[in-house]
């Protein structure tokens, strides 16, 4: 079973310098990826949404970027649709590229 973080709690904001372990969700890497796509996205917002994206991903049987973005936006309307979309896309791409099972 995969778990968030590289070997630590996702809320502590740490990530392995070597990169995330295969099969684990790393919200720091997801947030960083989202910020690369949207440099105006605040780091704290990206991290919070990336951490919560994992909670939503585990609860959704079938998740695509629009579904995940809507869930994030419903929880955090102040973040805005662009931030929710960037993080949702980054989260799903991360899961696919790192073999993260939900």
Protein backbone atom coordinates (compact mmCIF):
# COMPACT_ATOMS: atom_id res chain seq x y z
CA UNK A 1 0.00 0.00 0.00
CA UNK A 2 1.40 3.37 -0.89
CA UNK A 3 1.56 6.17 1.59
CA UNK A 4 2.16 9.89 1.29
CA UNK A 5 5.65 11.30 1.67
CA UNK A 6 9.06 9.91 0.89
CA UNK A 7 9.37 8.27 4.30
CA UNK A 8 7.97 11.05 6.36
CA UNK A 9 4.73 12.80 7.11
CA UNK A 10 3.58 14.82 4.07
CA UNK A 11 2.71 17.75 6.28
CA UNK A 12 6.33 18.27 7.31
CA UNK A 13 7.31 19.43 3.80
CA UNK A 14 10.34 17.16 3.42
CA UNK A 15 11.38 15.25 0.35
CA UNK A 16 14.32 13.02 -0.36
CA UNK A 17 17.13 14.71 -2.29
CA UNK A 18 17.29 11.63 -4.52
CA UNK A 19 13.62 11.98 -5.38
CA UNK A 20 10.52 10.23 -4.22
CA UNK A 21 10.51 6.48 -3.80
CA UNK A 22 8.72 4.56 -6.52
CA UNK A 23 5.17 3.76 -5.45
CA UNK A 24 4.86 6.54 -2.88
CA UNK A 25 2.98 9.80 -3.20
CA UNK A 26 5.10 12.84 -2.43
CA UNK A 27 3.08 16.06 -2.02
CA UNK A 28 6.23 18.20 -2.02
CA UNK A 29 7.16 16.96 -5.50
CA UNK A 30 3.57 17.36 -6.67
CA UNK A 31 3.48 20.93 -5.36
CA UNK A 32 6.81 21.70 -7.01
CA UNK A 33 5.58 20.33 -10.32
CA UNK A 34 2.40 22.40 -10.10
CA UNK A 35 4.47 25.51 -9.36
CA UNK A 36 6.66 24.84 -12.39
CA UNK A 37 3.52 24.92 -14.52
CA UNK A 38 2.24 28.02 -12.74
CA UNK A 39 5.08 30.03 -11.14
CA UNK A 40 2.52 32.41 -9.61
CA UNK A 41 1.06 29.62 -7.49
CA UNK A 42 2.03 30.26 -3.85
CA UNK A 43 4.18 27.49 -2.36
CA UNK A 44 1.99 27.03 0.73
CA UNK A 45 -1.19 26.79 -1.36
CA UNK A 46 0.42 24.27 -3.70
CA UNK A 47 1.60 22.14 -0.78
CA UNK A 48 -1.75 22.22 0.96
CA UNK A 49 -3.64 21.29 -2.20
CA UNK A 50 -1.10 18.56 -3.07
CA UNK A 51 -1.46 17.01 0.37
CA UNK A 52 -5.24 17.09 0.15
CA UNK A 53 -5.19 15.78 -3.41
CA UNK A 54 -3.84 12.52 -2.01
CA UNK A 55 -6.79 12.26 0.39
CA UNK A 56 -9.19 12.77 -2.49
CA UNK A 57 -7.33 10.34 -4.76
CA UNK A 58 -7.60 7.59 -2.17
CA UNK A 59 -11.32 8.22 -1.85
CA UNK A 60 -12.15 8.35 -5.57
CA UNK A 61 -12.32 5.14 -7.56
CA UNK A 62 -12.00 6.87 -10.91
CA UNK A 63 -10.28 10.21 -10.84
CA UNK A 64 -9.34 12.46 -13.71
CA UNK A 65 -7.88 15.95 -13.44
CA UNK A 66 -11.22 17.81 -13.73
CA UNK A 67 -12.86 15.64 -11.05
CA UNK A 68 -9.93 16.05 -8.69
CA UNK A 69 -9.70 19.79 -9.38
CA UNK A 70 -13.41 20.22 -8.59
CA UNK A 71 -12.97 18.35 -5.29
CA UNK A 72 -9.98 20.54 -4.35
CA UNK A 73 -11.81 23.71 -5.36
CA UNK A 74 -14.88 22.71 -3.32
CA UNK A 75 -12.66 22.40 -0.23
CA UNK A 76 -10.56 25.49 -0.99
CA UNK A 77 -12.47 28.01 -3.11
CA UNK A 78 -10.02 30.72 -2.06
CA UNK A 79 -7.22 28.87 -3.89
CA UNK A 80 -8.94 29.40 -7.21
CA UNK A 81 -9.65 27.14 -10.17
CA UNK A 82 -6.22 27.53 -11.77
CA UNK A 83 -4.39 26.38 -8.63
CA UNK A 84 -6.75 23.44 -8.16
CA UNK A 85 -6.33 22.41 -11.80
CA UNK A 86 -2.52 22.70 -11.75
CA UNK A 87 -2.24 20.61 -8.58
CA UNK A 88 -4.78 18.03 -9.75
CA UNK A 89 -2.95 17.56 -13.03
CA UNK A 90 0.43 17.36 -11.28
CA UNK A 91 -0.91 14.84 -8.74
CA UNK A 92 -2.31 12.51 -11.39
CA UNK A 93 0.82 12.77 -13.53
CA UNK A 94 2.97 12.02 -10.49
CA UNK A 95 0.88 8.95 -9.58
CA UNK A 96 1.11 7.65 -13.15
CA UNK A 97 4.85 8.24 -13.51
CA UNK A 98 5.78 6.84 -10.08
CA UNK A 99 3.44 3.82 -10.04
CA UNK A 100 1.50 5.11 -7.06
CA UNK A 101 -1.42 2.84 -6.29
CA UNK A 102 -4.44 4.39 -4.67
